[in-house]
Amino acid sequence: MTHSRRSVLRRGAGVAAAGTAASLAGCSGAADGGTGGFDSGYAAFFTLNDWANEIAGERASFEDPVDVGQLGHGWTPDGNLAADVAATDAFVYLDSPEFSWAQDLAGTLEADYDTVAVIDALDGLEDELLDWDHAHGEEGDGDDGGSGTEQRYDPHVWVDPVLAAEMVDTIAVGFGEADPDNADAYAANAEEYAGELDAVDAAFESIAEGAARDVAVLAGHNSFQYLEARYGFRLHSPTGVSPQNEPTQSAIADTIDLVDSEGIEVVLYDRFQSPRLAESIVENSGATEAVPVTPAGGTTREWNDAGYGYLEQMTEINVPAFERAFGAQ
C-alpha cells in the first residue's frame, strides 16, 4: 500500500491549497470546501488517515496533520489547522480526551462549518472501551494520560483488528452519508479492507494458541491492553499504561526477576520510545534481545518510505515480535 506515503508527499501542496481556500472563504464563518464535491479531508492521526484513504480510494484524498515520527495524542496543532480542515469536506477523529485537540477542532467544525462531515470513528464502540487501567502501573501512577483532561478509557482501540474493522465501517458510513452517490463504493472498500483485518486477527489468534509462555515483557508504557483483552495475552510493563510514567527501580528489578524466572529471551519496546530501558533489562537479565513493537498510531521515516500503512505495521512489526516474545514461532 502507498496511501500513507502518498498523503505525506501531498501534504505540503494540500495544506497550501487548503490555506488558500480558507482565505477565500473570508470571515463569513462558512467554508466552501464542500461545494465542489467530496474529494478531500483530514484525519486526526496516521491510522485514521490510512483507513480514510483506503476507504475513499481514488474518490478523495485525506491528509494527516501530524508529522512523520510523531503520534497524534499529546500533539498540539498550529493555529492554521482549523482553517485548513474547514476548507475540505471531512474530518475523521476519535472523540477521546487523549486527542483533546481533535475534540476541540470537531466542535468548531460542527458549530461553524456545516459543509464539513465530522466523523467520530469511536461512534458505537462506547461499550467496547477499556478502562485506563492504572493497575498495570507502579507507584505514582494516576495522571490523566497526558491530555490535561480526565481520561477514563484507554484510547488505543485501533490496535485490536476486530474493533478496527468496526471503526473502518463507521468511517465508510460517514463517507456515504456525506457523499451518497458513492456510498456503495465506500462500503465495498471497507468490506475489502475488513477482510485484511480478519487476517491480522487470525495471526494473533494463532500466536495465542501456540504460545509457549503466558507472559511477555514490554519495556515501556503499555499500548496493547486491547490485544491482551482480545487474545488473552499478558504483558508485564514496569512503566504501566501512561506514557508519562517513569519506572521505579523496584519495578525494573521485579521485571528482571520475571524475565529470569520465566526464561524470557525477547524484551519488547515501543518503537516510538527510547529502547534504553529494554536494553538495560536485557543487559541485566538472561534475555538476549530487545525487539520493537508499534502502537500503530504513527509512522517512522523508514516505514513511511517503505509505504507501510496500518496493516504493514501490524503484520510486519507486531505479529513477528509477539510470536517471538510469546514463543509461538
Protein backbone atom coordinates (compact mmCIF):
# COMPACT_ATOMS: atom_id res chain seq x y z
CA MET A 1 0.00 0.00 0.00
CA THR A 2 1.15 3.53 -0.69
CA HIS A 3 -1.57 5.71 0.79
CA SER A 4 0.34 6.87 3.84
CA ARG A 5 3.35 7.79 1.74
CA ARG A 6 1.12 9.50 -0.80
CA SER A 7 -0.51 11.56 1.91
CA VAL A 8 2.82 12.81 3.22
CA LEU A 9 4.03 13.71 -0.25
CA ARG A 10 0.83 15.62 -0.93
CA ARG A 11 0.69 17.31 2.46
CA GLY A 12 2.65 20.41 1.51
CA ALA A 13 0.56 21.08 -1.56
CA GLY A 14 -2.65 20.11 0.21
CA VAL A 15 -2.14 22.41 3.18
CA ALA A 16 -1.15 25.28 0.92
CA ALA A 17 -4.24 24.78 -1.21
CA ALA A 18 -6.43 24.46 1.87
CA GLY A 19 -4.99 27.64 3.34
CA THR A 20 -5.74 29.49 0.10
CA ALA A 21 -9.31 28.18 0.06
CA ALA A 22 -9.78 29.19 3.68
CA SER A 23 -8.59 32.71 2.99
CA LEU A 24 -11.03 32.95 0.10
CA ALA A 25 -13.80 31.94 2.47
CA GLY A 26 -13.08 35.14 4.37
CA CYS A 27 -14.62 35.81 7.77
CA SER A 28 -18.16 34.81 6.96
CA GLY A 29 -17.98 31.77 9.27
CA ALA A 30 -18.67 29.30 6.45
CA ALA A 31 -16.24 27.19 4.48
CA ASP A 32 -16.75 26.47 0.81
CA GLY A 33 -14.62 23.29 0.73
CA GLY A 34 -17.63 21.05 0.18
CA THR A 35 -19.20 22.82 -2.76
CA GLY A 36 -17.03 21.07 -5.33
CA GLY A 37 -17.97 17.56 -4.20
CA PHE A 38 -16.48 15.10 -1.76
CA ASP A 39 -12.81 14.99 -2.69
CA SER A 40 -10.59 15.91 0.27
CA GLY A 41 -10.36 15.75 4.02
CA TYR A 42 -8.21 15.41 7.10
CA ALA A 43 -7.85 12.58 9.61
CA ALA A 44 -6.57 13.18 13.11
CA PHE A 45 -3.57 10.85 13.02
CA PHE A 46 -1.73 8.23 10.98
CA THR A 47 -4.04 5.26 11.48
CA LEU A 48 -7.27 7.11 10.74
CA ASN A 49 -5.63 8.76 7.76
CA ASP A 50 -4.54 5.40 6.36
CA TRP A 51 -8.03 3.97 6.82
CA ALA A 52 -9.69 7.04 5.33
CA ASN A 53 -7.58 6.81 2.19
CA GLU A 54 -8.23 3.08 1.87
CA ILE A 55 -11.99 3.62 2.14
CA ALA A 56 -12.06 6.67 -0.13
CA GLY A 57 -9.94 5.00 -2.80
CA GLU A 58 -9.46 7.33 -5.74
CA ARG A 59 -12.54 9.40 -4.92
CA ALA A 60 -10.91 11.54 -2.23
CA SER A 61 -7.51 12.21 -0.69
CA PHE A 62 -7.03 12.58 3.06
CA GLU A 63 -4.21 14.33 4.88
CA ASP A 64 -2.59 13.65 8.25
CA PRO A 65 -1.58 16.88 10.02
CA VAL A 66 0.79 15.04 12.36
CA ASP A 67 4.38 14.87 11.16
CA VAL A 68 6.16 11.60 10.48
CA GLY A 69 7.78 10.35 13.68
CA GLN A 70 5.12 11.84 15.97
CA LEU A 71 1.93 10.44 17.47
CA GLY A 72 -1.43 12.22 17.38
CA HIS A 73 -2.11 12.01 21.11
CA GLY A 74 -0.32 14.58 23.21
CA TRP A 75 0.20 16.56 20.00
CA THR A 76 -0.58 20.27 19.56
CA PRO A 77 -1.58 21.64 16.13
CA ASP A 78 -0.56 25.02 14.82
CA GLY A 79 -3.06 27.84 14.59
CA ASN A 80 -3.85 27.28 10.90
CA LEU A 81 -5.20 23.75 11.11
CA ALA A 82 -8.85 24.66 11.75
CA ALA A 83 -8.95 26.83 8.62
CA ASP A 84 -7.17 24.16 6.58
CA VAL A 85 -9.60 21.44 7.65
CA ALA A 86 -12.60 23.72 7.17
CA ALA A 87 -11.62 24.12 3.53
CA THR A 88 -12.05 20.38 2.93
CA ASP A 89 -15.01 18.02 3.00
CA ALA A 90 -14.44 15.75 6.02
CA PHE A 91 -12.65 15.37 9.32
CA VAL A 92 -12.16 11.90 10.84
CA TYR A 93 -11.19 11.77 14.52
CA LEU A 94 -11.61 9.93 17.82
CA ASP A 95 -13.86 11.53 20.42
CA SER A 96 -11.35 10.88 23.21
CA PRO A 97 -9.74 13.31 25.69
CA GLU A 98 -6.39 11.83 24.73
CA PHE A 99 -6.97 13.66 21.44
CA SER A 100 -8.37 16.80 23.04
CA TRP A 101 -7.11 18.98 20.19
CA ALA A 102 -9.18 16.90 17.75
CA GLN A 103 -12.24 17.10 20.02
CA ASP A 104 -11.90 20.88 20.08
CA LEU A 105 -11.49 21.02 16.31
CA ALA A 106 -14.51 18.78 15.76
CA GLY A 107 -16.58 21.07 17.98
CA THR A 108 -15.52 24.11 15.98
CA LEU A 109 -16.33 22.42 12.69
CA GLU A 110 -19.76 21.27 13.85
CA ALA A 111 -20.61 24.72 15.16
CA ASP A 112 -19.31 26.86 12.32
CA TYR A 113 -18.68 24.77 9.18
CA ASP A 114 -21.68 22.66 8.23
CA THR A 115 -20.14 21.71 4.88
CA VAL A 116 -17.51 19.54 6.63
CA ALA A 117 -18.55 15.99 7.56
CA VAL A 118 -17.28 15.33 11.10
CA ILE A 119 -16.85 11.58 11.66
CA ASP A 120 -16.09 10.06 15.06
CA ALA A 121 -14.59 6.62 14.41
CA LEU A 122 -15.39 5.61 18.01
CA ASP A 123 -19.11 6.10 17.49
CA GLY A 124 -20.95 2.99 18.67
CA LEU A 125 -17.93 1.50 20.46
CA GLU A 126 -18.58 3.01 23.87
CA ASP A 127 -19.28 -0.40 25.44
CA GLU A 128 -16.06 -1.83 24.00
CA LEU A 129 -13.70 0.71 25.55
CA LEU A 130 -11.34 -0.47 28.27
CA ASP A 131 -10.64 1.42 31.44
CA TRP A 132 -7.40 3.39 31.52
CA ASP A 133 -6.23 0.68 33.93
CA HIS A 134 -3.50 2.13 36.11
CA ALA A 135 -3.34 -1.17 37.99
CA HIS A 136 -0.83 -2.14 35.29
CA GLY A 137 1.44 0.64 36.53
CA GLU A 138 3.59 1.25 39.58
CA GLU A 139 3.81 3.78 42.38
CA GLY A 140 2.91 7.31 41.38
CA ASP A 141 0.64 6.24 38.55
CA GLY A 142 -2.56 8.23 38.34
CA ASP A 143 -2.17 11.00 35.80
CA ASP A 144 -4.72 11.68 33.12
CA GLY A 145 -2.90 10.14 30.16
CA GLY A 146 -1.27 13.40 29.16
CA SER A 147 -4.25 15.21 27.69
CA GLY A 148 -4.82 17.64 30.54
CA THR A 149 -8.37 16.28 30.76
CA GLU A 150 -9.57 13.27 32.75
CA GLN A 151 -9.09 10.18 30.58
CA ARG A 152 -11.34 7.34 31.66
CA TYR A 153 -10.68 4.98 28.77
CA ASP A 154 -7.61 3.62 27.07
CA PRO A 155 -7.66 5.30 23.63
CA HIS A 156 -5.56 2.69 21.77
CA VAL A 157 -8.66 0.96 20.38
CA TRP A 158 -7.15 0.69 16.92
CA VAL A 159 -4.57 -1.96 17.91
CA ASP A 160 -7.42 -4.50 18.11
CA PRO A 161 -8.09 -5.59 14.50
CA VAL A 162 -11.65 -6.65 15.35
CA LEU A 163 -12.52 -3.20 16.72
CA ALA A 164 -10.51 -1.66 13.88
CA ALA A 165 -12.92 -3.29 11.41
CA GLU A 166 -15.86 -1.68 13.21
CA MET A 167 -14.15 1.70 13.09
CA VAL A 168 -13.46 1.29 9.38
CA ASP A 169 -17.14 0.55 8.82
CA THR A 170 -18.12 3.65 10.82
CA ILE A 171 -15.86 5.80 8.64
CA ALA A 172 -17.33 4.28 5.48
CA VAL A 173 -20.86 5.02 6.69
CA GLY A 174 -19.84 8.61 7.39
CA PHE A 175 -18.37 8.97 3.91
CA GLY A 176 -21.52 7.51 2.41
CA GLU A 177 -23.71 9.97 4.26
CA ALA A 178 -21.56 12.87 3.07
CA ASP A 179 -21.36 11.54 -0.50
CA PRO A 180 -24.43 9.34 -1.14
CA ASP A 181 -23.63 8.83 -4.82
CA ASN A 182 -20.54 6.84 -3.87
CA ALA A 183 -21.79 5.21 -0.68
CA ASP A 184 -21.72 1.71 -2.19
CA ALA A 185 -18.12 2.16 -3.29
CA TYR A 186 -17.05 3.25 0.19
CA ALA A 187 -18.86 0.29 1.73
CA ALA A 188 -17.19 -2.10 -0.72
CA ASN A 189 -13.74 -0.69 0.02
CA ALA A 190 -14.37 -1.00 3.75
CA GLU A 191 -15.53 -4.59 3.36
CA GLU A 192 -12.42 -5.48 1.37
CA TYR A 193 -10.18 -3.86 3.97
CA ALA A 194 -12.04 -5.68 6.76
CA GLY A 195 -11.01 -8.92 5.08
CA GLU A 196 -7.37 -7.93 5.54
CA LEU A 197 -8.06 -7.05 9.16
CA ASP A 198 -9.53 -10.56 9.56
CA ALA A 199 -6.14 -11.92 8.54
CA VAL A 200 -4.45 -9.85 11.25
CA ASP A 201 -6.98 -11.16 13.77
CA ALA A 202 -6.23 -14.73 12.67
CA ALA A 203 -2.49 -14.16 13.06
CA PHE A 204 -2.88 -13.00 16.66
CA GLU A 205 -5.28 -15.87 17.38
CA SER A 206 -2.59 -18.26 16.11
CA ILE A 207 0.01 -16.66 18.42
CA ALA A 208 -2.32 -17.03 21.41
CA GLU A 209 -3.00 -20.67 20.59
CA GLY A 210 0.67 -21.56 20.03
CA ALA A 211 2.24 -19.51 22.83
CA ALA A 212 4.89 -21.32 24.84
CA ARG A 213 4.57 -18.87 27.73
CA ASP A 214 1.70 -16.85 29.13
CA VAL A 215 3.55 -13.58 29.75
CA ALA A 216 5.87 -11.28 27.82
CA VAL A 217 7.71 -8.14 28.91
CA LEU A 218 7.13 -4.74 27.35
CA ALA A 219 9.73 -2.20 28.47
CA GLY A 220 7.63 0.91 28.02
CA HIS A 221 4.08 2.11 28.52
CA ASN A 222 1.51 -0.47 27.54
CA SER A 223 -0.49 0.49 24.45
CA PHE A 224 -1.68 -3.07 23.90
CA GLN A 225 -4.39 -3.64 26.50
CA TYR A 226 -6.90 -4.25 23.72
CA LEU A 227 -4.77 -7.07 22.35
CA GLU A 228 -4.46 -8.51 25.85
CA ALA A 229 -8.23 -8.43 26.26
CA ARG A 230 -8.94 -9.86 22.82
CA TYR A 231 -6.43 -12.73 22.78
CA GLY A 232 -5.62 -13.40 26.41
CA PHE A 233 -2.06 -12.10 26.15
CA ARG A 234 -0.38 -10.91 29.34
CA LEU A 235 2.14 -8.12 29.00
CA HIS A 236 4.19 -7.07 32.01
CA SER A 237 5.33 -3.46 31.89
CA PRO A 238 7.49 -1.78 34.54
CA THR A 239 6.02 1.51 33.34
CA GLY A 240 2.29 0.84 33.05
CA VAL A 241 -0.13 2.32 30.56
CA SER A 242 0.70 6.01 30.84
CA PRO A 243 3.46 7.50 28.65
CA GLN A 244 4.22 9.97 31.43
CA ASN A 245 5.21 7.29 33.95
CA GLU A 246 8.83 6.65 34.85
CA PRO A 247 9.61 3.14 36.13
CA THR A 248 10.84 2.83 39.69
CA GLN A 249 13.98 0.88 40.50
CA SER A 250 11.88 -1.72 42.29
CA ALA A 251 9.66 -2.11 39.22
CA ILE A 252 12.70 -2.63 37.00
CA ALA A 253 14.14 -5.17 39.46
CA ASP A 254 10.83 -7.05 39.53
CA THR A 255 10.80 -7.10 35.74
CA ILE A 256 14.31 -8.52 35.58
CA ASP A 257 13.29 -11.21 38.08
CA LEU A 258 10.28 -12.06 35.91
CA VAL A 259 12.45 -12.30 32.78
CA ASP A 260 14.78 -14.73 34.52
CA SER A 261 12.10 -16.81 36.26
CA GLU A 262 10.09 -17.21 33.04
CA GLY A 263 13.11 -17.80 30.80
CA ILE A 264 12.13 -14.83 28.62
CA GLU A 265 14.60 -14.19 25.79
CA VAL A 266 12.92 -11.28 23.98
CA VAL A 267 12.07 -7.97 25.65
CA LEU A 268 9.67 -5.78 23.68
CA TYR A 269 9.82 -1.99 23.49
CA ASP A 270 7.75 0.73 21.82
CA ARG A 271 9.42 1.91 18.60
CA PHE A 272 8.25 5.45 19.38
CA GLN A 273 10.06 5.45 22.72
CA SER A 274 13.70 5.04 23.67
CA PRO A 275 14.98 1.43 23.70
CA ARG A 276 17.26 2.17 26.67
CA LEU A 277 15.04 0.54 29.30
CA ALA A 278 14.66 -2.62 27.21
CA GLU A 279 18.39 -2.75 26.56
CA SER A 280 19.10 -2.31 30.27
CA ILE A 281 16.76 -5.19 31.15
CA VAL A 282 18.47 -7.38 28.54
CA GLU A 283 21.92 -6.47 29.87
CA ASN A 284 20.95 -7.32 33.45
CA SER A 285 18.96 -10.48 32.83
CA GLY A 286 19.03 -13.71 30.88
CA ALA A 287 17.20 -12.12 27.94
CA THR A 288 19.14 -11.90 24.70
CA GLU A 289 17.38 -9.31 22.56
CA ALA A 290 15.27 -6.13 22.60
CA VAL A 291 12.66 -6.17 19.81
CA PRO A 292 10.48 -3.21 18.75
CA VAL A 293 6.69 -3.16 18.54
CA THR A 294 4.45 -0.36 17.36
CA PRO A 295 1.21 1.06 18.75
CA ALA A 296 0.41 1.80 15.09
CA GLY A 297 -0.64 5.33 15.92
CA GLY A 298 2.10 6.98 13.89
CA THR A 299 4.82 6.15 11.41
CA THR A 300 8.59 6.47 11.11
CA ARG A 301 10.53 7.82 8.17
CA GLU A 302 11.72 4.32 7.34
CA TRP A 303 8.24 2.81 7.41
CA ASN A 304 6.77 5.74 5.53
CA ASP A 305 9.36 5.46 2.75
CA ALA A 306 8.57 1.74 2.52
CA GLY A 307 4.86 2.53 2.12
CA TYR A 308 3.85 0.90 5.40
CA GLY A 309 0.28 1.53 6.44
CA TYR A 310 -1.54 0.21 9.49
CA LEU A 311 -1.68 -3.33 8.11
CA GLU A 312 2.04 -3.49 7.45
CA GLN A 313 2.88 -2.22 10.90
CA MET A 314 0.71 -4.92 12.42
CA THR A 315 1.82 -7.77 10.17
CA GLU A 316 5.48 -6.90 9.59
CA ILE A 317 6.33 -5.49 13.03
CA ASN A 318 3.86 -6.60 15.72
CA VAL A 319 2.93 -10.11 14.64
CA PRO A 320 6.51 -11.43 14.38
CA ALA A 321 7.52 -9.57 17.56
CA PHE A 322 4.64 -11.12 19.53
CA GLU A 323 5.44 -14.55 18.07
CA ARG A 324 8.97 -14.32 19.40
CA ALA A 325 8.05 -12.77 22.73
CA PHE A 326 5.45 -15.48 23.49
CA GLY A 327 7.49 -18.30 21.98
CA ALA A 328 4.87 -19.05 19.33
CA GLN A 329 7.16 -19.44 16.32
